[in-house]
C-alpha atoms as a PDB file:
ATOM      1  CA  UNK A   1      -8.301 -10.342   2.668  1.00  0.00           C
ATOM      2  CA  UNK A   2      -7.280 -13.983   3.106  1.00  0.00           C
ATOM      3  CA  UNK A   3      -7.411 -16.510   0.283  1.00  0.00           C
ATOM      4  CA  UNK A   4     -10.582 -18.086   1.695  1.00  0.00           C
ATOM      5  CA  UNK A   5     -12.302 -14.676   1.576  1.00  0.00           C
ATOM      6  CA  UNK A   6     -10.971 -13.516  -1.785  1.00  0.00           C
ATOM      7  CA  UNK A   7     -14.002 -14.782  -3.699  1.00  0.00           C
ATOM      8  CA  UNK A   8     -16.841 -14.202  -1.263  1.00  0.00           C
ATOM      9  CA  UNK A   9     -20.260 -13.659  -2.850  1.00  0.00           C
ATOM     10  CA  UNK A  10     -21.105  -9.998  -3.410  1.00  0.00           C
ATOM     11  CA  UNK A  11     -24.391  -8.301  -2.695  1.00  0.00           C
ATOM     12  CA  UNK A  12     -24.185  -5.847  -5.569  1.00  0.00           C
ATOM     13  CA  UNK A  13     -26.217  -2.682  -4.962  1.00  0.00           C
ATOM     14  CA  UNK A  14     -27.547  -0.976  -8.081  1.00  0.00           C
ATOM     15  CA  UNK A  15     -29.446   2.095  -6.847  1.00  0.00           C
ATOM     16  CA  UNK A  16     -32.379   0.558  -4.913  1.00  0.00           C
ATOM     17  CA  UNK A  17     -31.819  -2.995  -6.178  1.00  0.00           C
ATOM     18  CA  UNK A  18     -29.574  -5.647  -4.623  1.00  0.00           C
ATOM     19  CA  UNK A  19     -28.412  -8.602  -6.727  1.00  0.00           C
ATOM     20  CA  UNK A  20     -26.054 -11.470  -5.927  1.00  0.00           C
ATOM     21  CA  UNK A  21     -22.769 -11.891  -7.774  1.00  0.00           C
ATOM     22  CA  UNK A  22     -20.607 -14.990  -7.441  1.00  0.00           C
ATOM     23  CA  UNK A  23     -17.097 -15.698  -8.648  1.00  0.00           C
ATOM     24  CA  UNK A  24     -16.952 -18.051 -11.636  1.00  0.00           C
ATOM     25  CA  UNK A  25     -13.755 -20.124 -11.686  1.00  0.00           C
ATOM     26  CA  UNK A  26     -14.248 -21.070 -15.334  1.00  0.00           C
ATOM     27  CA  UNK A  27     -14.660 -17.455 -16.520  1.00  0.00           C
ATOM     28  CA  UNK A  28     -12.314 -16.029 -13.853  1.00  0.00           C
ATOM     29  CA  UNK A  29     -14.609 -13.196 -12.885  1.00  0.00           C
ATOM     30  CA  UNK A  30     -17.761 -12.243 -11.033  1.00  0.00           C
ATOM     31  CA  UNK A  31     -21.156 -12.782 -12.655  1.00  0.00           C
ATOM     32  CA  UNK A  32     -24.729 -12.063 -11.635  1.00  0.00           C
ATOM     33  CA  UNK A  33     -26.794 -14.939 -10.302  1.00  0.00           C
ATOM     34  CA  UNK A  34     -30.265 -15.407 -11.800  1.00  0.00           C
ATOM     35  CA  UNK A  35     -32.383 -18.477 -11.028  1.00  0.00           C
ATOM     36  CA  UNK A  36     -29.401 -19.993  -9.147  1.00  0.00           C
ATOM     37  CA  UNK A  37     -27.222 -19.901 -12.275  1.00  0.00           C
ATOM     38  CA  UNK A  38     -24.245 -17.741 -13.181  1.00  0.00           C
ATOM     39  CA  UNK A  39     -25.125 -15.471 -16.075  1.00  0.00           C
ATOM     40  CA  UNK A  40     -21.696 -15.778 -17.673  1.00  0.00           C
ATOM     41  CA  UNK A  41     -21.786 -19.486 -18.478  1.00  0.00           C
ATOM     42  CA  UNK A  42     -25.005 -20.845 -16.951  1.00  0.00           C
ATOM     43  CA  UNK A  43     -23.234 -22.884 -14.299  1.00  0.00           C
ATOM     44  CA  UNK A  44     -25.489 -23.644 -11.293  1.00  0.00           C
ATOM     45  CA  UNK A  45     -24.485 -22.166  -7.932  1.00  0.00           C
ATOM     46  CA  UNK A  46     -25.387 -23.036  -4.381  1.00  0.00           C
ATOM     47  CA  UNK A  47     -26.597 -19.838  -2.720  1.00  0.00           C
ATOM     48  CA  UNK A  48     -24.766 -19.066   0.534  1.00  0.00           C
ATOM     49  CA  UNK A  49     -26.212 -16.247   2.582  1.00  0.00           C
ATOM     50  CA  UNK A  50     -24.008 -16.511   5.666  1.00  0.00           C
ATOM     51  CA  UNK A  51     -21.004 -14.589   4.356  1.00  0.00           C
ATOM     52  CA  UNK A  52     -20.910 -11.996   1.638  1.00  0.00           C
ATOM     53  CA  UNK A  53     -19.591  -8.546   0.837  1.00  0.00           C
ATOM     54  CA  UNK A  54     -21.692  -5.519  -0.033  1.00  0.00           C
ATOM     55  CA  UNK A  55     -20.556  -3.422  -2.960  1.00  0.00           C
ATOM     56  CA  UNK A  56     -22.332  -0.379  -4.393  1.00  0.00           C
ATOM     57  CA  UNK A  57     -22.178  -0.857  -8.143  1.00  0.00           C
ATOM     58  CA  UNK A  58     -24.219   2.180  -9.156  1.00  0.00           C
ATOM     59  CA  UNK A  59     -25.675   5.167  -7.367  1.00  0.00           C
ATOM     60  CA  UNK A  60     -29.407   5.680  -7.208  1.00  0.00           C
ATOM     61  CA  UNK A  61     -30.861   7.683 -10.062  1.00  0.00           C
ATOM     62  CA  UNK A  62     -32.172  10.418  -7.813  1.00  0.00           C
ATOM     63  CA  UNK A  63     -30.867  12.329  -4.835  1.00  0.00           C
ATOM     64  CA  UNK A  64     -32.144  12.553  -1.263  1.00  0.00           C
ATOM     65  CA  UNK A  65     -35.546  14.248  -1.303  1.00  0.00           C
ATOM     66  CA  UNK A  66     -38.398  14.984   1.041  1.00  0.00           C
ATOM     67  CA  UNK A  67     -41.929  13.894   0.240  1.00  0.00           C
ATOM     68  CA  UNK A  68     -44.103  16.158  -1.937  1.00  0.00           C
ATOM     69  CA  UNK A  69     -46.676  18.351  -0.128  1.00  0.00           C
ATOM     70  CA  UNK A  70     -49.587  16.053  -1.035  1.00  0.00           C
ATOM     71  CA  UNK A  71     -47.770  13.046   0.482  1.00  0.00           C
ATOM     72  CA  UNK A  72     -46.787  15.058   3.582  1.00  0.00           C
ATOM     73  CA  UNK A  73     -50.459  15.728   4.282  1.00  0.00           C
ATOM     74  CA  UNK A  74     -51.331  12.071   3.712  1.00  0.00           C
ATOM     75  CA  UNK A  75     -48.615  10.953   6.162  1.00  0.00           C
ATOM     76  CA  UNK A  76     -49.648  13.514   8.789  1.00  0.00           C
ATOM     77  CA  UNK A  77     -53.302  12.395   8.574  1.00  0.00           C
ATOM     78  CA  UNK A  78     -52.263   8.738   8.836  1.00  0.00           C
ATOM     79  CA  UNK A  79     -50.153   9.550  11.903  1.00  0.00           C
ATOM     80  CA  UNK A  80     -52.944  11.677  13.429  1.00  0.00           C
ATOM     81  CA  UNK A  81     -50.578  14.698  13.276  1.00  0.00           C
ATOM     82  CA  UNK A  82     -48.253  13.049  15.812  1.00  0.00           C
ATOM     83  CA  UNK A  83     -44.560  12.172  15.871  1.00  0.00           C
ATOM     84  CA  UNK A  84     -44.480   8.528  14.857  1.00  0.00           C
ATOM     85  CA  UNK A  85     -41.839   7.742  17.500  1.00  0.00           C
ATOM     86  CA  UNK A  86     -42.883   9.597  20.684  1.00  0.00           C
ATOM     87  CA  UNK A  87     -46.508  10.580  19.980  1.00  0.00           C
ATOM     88  CA  UNK A  88     -45.963  14.343  20.446  1.00  0.00           C
ATOM     89  CA  UNK A  89     -48.456  16.514  18.573  1.00  0.00           C
ATOM     90  CA  UNK A  90     -47.107  17.979  15.347  1.00  0.00           C
ATOM     91  CA  UNK A  91     -50.073  20.290  14.737  1.00  0.00           C
ATOM     92  CA  UNK A  92     -48.937  23.826  14.003  1.00  0.00           C
ATOM     93  CA  UNK A  93     -45.255  22.897  14.247  1.00  0.00           C
ATOM     94  CA  UNK A  94     -42.875  24.054  11.566  1.00  0.00           C
ATOM     95  CA  UNK A  95     -40.129  21.781  12.920  1.00  0.00           C
ATOM     96  CA  UNK A  96     -41.571  18.588  11.474  1.00  0.00           C
ATOM     97  CA  UNK A  97     -38.784  16.411  10.153  1.00  0.00           C
ATOM     98  CA  UNK A  98     -39.407  13.945   7.366  1.00  0.00           C
ATOM     99  CA  UNK A  99     -37.479  10.842   8.340  1.00  0.00           C
ATOM    100  CA  UNK A 100     -36.487   8.119   5.890  1.00  0.00           C
ATOM    101  CA  UNK A 101     -37.466   5.114   8.060  1.00  0.00           C
ATOM    102  CA  UNK A 102     -34.910   2.997   6.209  1.00  0.00           C
ATOM    103  CA  UNK A 103     -32.024   5.444   6.067  1.00  0.00           C
ATOM    104  CA  UNK A 104     -31.407   7.040   2.696  1.00  0.00           C
ATOM    105  CA  UNK A 105     -27.679   6.391   3.068  1.00  0.00           C
ATOM    106  CA  UNK A 106     -28.377   2.642   3.045  1.00  0.00           C
ATOM    107  CA  UNK A 107     -31.301   2.386   0.665  1.00  0.00           C
ATOM    108  CA  UNK A 108     -31.425   5.547  -1.496  1.00  0.00           C
ATOM    109  CA  UNK A 109     -35.197   5.084  -1.168  1.00  0.00           C
ATOM    110  CA  UNK A 110     -37.278   8.245  -1.581  1.00  0.00           C
ATOM    111  CA  UNK A 111     -40.522   6.269  -1.884  1.00  0.00           C
ATOM    112  CA  UNK A 112     -43.507   7.768  -0.058  1.00  0.00           C
ATOM    113  CA  UNK A 113     -43.723   4.507   1.932  1.00  0.00           C
ATOM    114  CA  UNK A 114     -40.284   5.145   3.426  1.00  0.00           C
ATOM    115  CA  UNK A 115     -41.168   8.522   4.972  1.00  0.00           C
ATOM    116  CA  UNK A 116     -42.537   9.230   8.440  1.00  0.00           C
ATOM    117  CA  UNK A 117     -43.200  12.503  10.236  1.00  0.00           C
ATOM    118  CA  UNK A 118     -41.121  12.966  13.385  1.00  0.00           C
ATOM    119  CA  UNK A 119     -40.226  15.671  15.842  1.00  0.00           C
ATOM    120  CA  UNK A 120     -36.655  16.943  15.588  1.00  0.00           C
ATOM    121  CA  UNK A 121     -35.462  15.219  18.782  1.00  0.00           C
ATOM    122  CA  UNK A 122     -36.794  11.784  17.815  1.00  0.00           C
ATOM    123  CA  UNK A 123     -35.323  12.080  14.334  1.00  0.00           C
ATOM    124  CA  UNK A 124     -31.940  12.887  15.902  1.00  0.00           C
ATOM    125  CA  UNK A 125     -32.240  10.000  18.401  1.00  0.00           C
ATOM    126  CA  UNK A 126     -32.988   7.565  15.584  1.00  0.00           C
ATOM    127  CA  UNK A 127     -30.219   8.901  13.369  1.00  0.00           C
ATOM    128  CA  UNK A 128     -28.995   6.316  10.878  1.00  0.00           C
ATOM    129  CA  UNK A 129     -30.149   3.318  12.898  1.00  0.00           C
ATOM    130  CA  UNK A 130     -32.031   0.493  11.187  1.00  0.00           C
ATOM    131  CA  UNK A 131     -34.966  -1.266  12.842  1.00  0.00           C
ATOM    132  CA  UNK A 132     -36.806  -4.347  11.575  1.00  0.00           C
ATOM    133  CA  UNK A 133     -40.196  -2.868  12.531  1.00  0.00           C
ATOM    134  CA  UNK A 134     -41.662   0.507  13.387  1.00  0.00           C
ATOM    135  CA  UNK A 135     -42.662  -0.823  16.802  1.00  0.00           C
ATOM    136  CA  UNK A 136     -39.035  -1.643  17.643  1.00  0.00           C
ATOM    137  CA  UNK A 137     -37.972   1.875  16.599  1.00  0.00           C
ATOM    138  CA  UNK A 138     -40.708   3.385  18.771  1.00  0.00           C
ATOM    139  CA  UNK A 139     -39.688   1.309  21.795  1.00  0.00           C
ATOM    140  CA  UNK A 140     -36.002   2.212  21.376  1.00  0.00           C
ATOM    141  CA  UNK A 141     -36.667   5.951  20.992  1.00  0.00           C
ATOM    142  CA  UNK A 142     -39.172   6.055  23.850  1.00  0.00           C
ATOM    143  CA  UNK A 143     -36.608   4.379  26.127  1.00  0.00           C
ATOM    144  CA  UNK A 144     -33.967   6.941  25.093  1.00  0.00           C
ATOM    145  CA  UNK A 145     -36.395   9.801  25.785  1.00  0.00           C
ATOM    146  CA  UNK A 146     -37.232   8.393  29.223  1.00  0.00           C
ATOM    147  CA  UNK A 147     -33.526   7.963  30.054  1.00  0.00           C
ATOM    148  CA  UNK A 148     -33.030  11.658  29.257  1.00  0.00           C
ATOM    149  CA  UNK A 149     -36.063  12.649  31.358  1.00  0.00           C
ATOM    150  CA  UNK A 150     -38.065  13.712  28.288  1.00  0.00           C
ATOM    151  CA  UNK A 151     -41.796  13.093  27.960  1.00  0.00           C
ATOM    152  CA  UNK A 152     -43.415  10.440  25.789  1.00  0.00           C
ATOM    153  CA  UNK A 153     -47.020  10.636  24.646  1.00  0.00           C
ATOM    154  CA  UNK A 154     -49.738   8.217  23.599  1.00  0.00           C
ATOM    155  CA  UNK A 155     -49.592   7.524  19.861  1.00  0.00           C
ATOM    156  CA  UNK A 156     -52.989   7.297  18.170  1.00  0.00           C
ATOM    157  CA  UNK A 157     -51.832   7.294  14.562  1.00  0.00           C
ATOM    158  CA  UNK A 158     -51.936   4.488  12.030  1.00  0.00           C
ATOM    159  CA  UNK A 159     -50.039   1.253  12.535  1.00  0.00           C
ATOM    160  CA  UNK A 160     -47.089   1.080  10.145  1.00  0.00           C
ATOM    161  CA  UNK A 161     -46.241  -2.527  11.040  1.00  0.00           C
ATOM    162  CA  UNK A 162     -49.643  -3.678   9.763  1.00  0.00           C
ATOM    163  CA  UNK A 163     -49.034  -2.167   6.311  1.00  0.00           C
END
């Protein structure tokens, strides 16, 4: 790392929480930033979001989980028992995969709002990719399915982007 990058701001990840840390020249160490002030000595800082490093400071409290049965049923009803990405019916299928929409590896988020029901193929096509909206994920996966000559179906489930 060059001298101009040695003290880049850090996006410190504490489980599911991300906080900014800046280098304090006076204290000669990194400190959390709260209300645009360094917590070590109260010096004001100008927030720069263009360049920073990401550093996991602490692991999430819990491990990767699937949703509880009650939440699975709620999600399936909301999605009209269809794969959220391709629209294929999931009724009577044991191969339903519970996808973390924002990948667990990035967010450690097991919240019920981060789960969607998907068919195995769509879950594999999505993998660890991040999408800003559900609609963009659906478009990407549908295009991949069409490129491979696989069918896509009409999706009549709830709209995740409106939530």
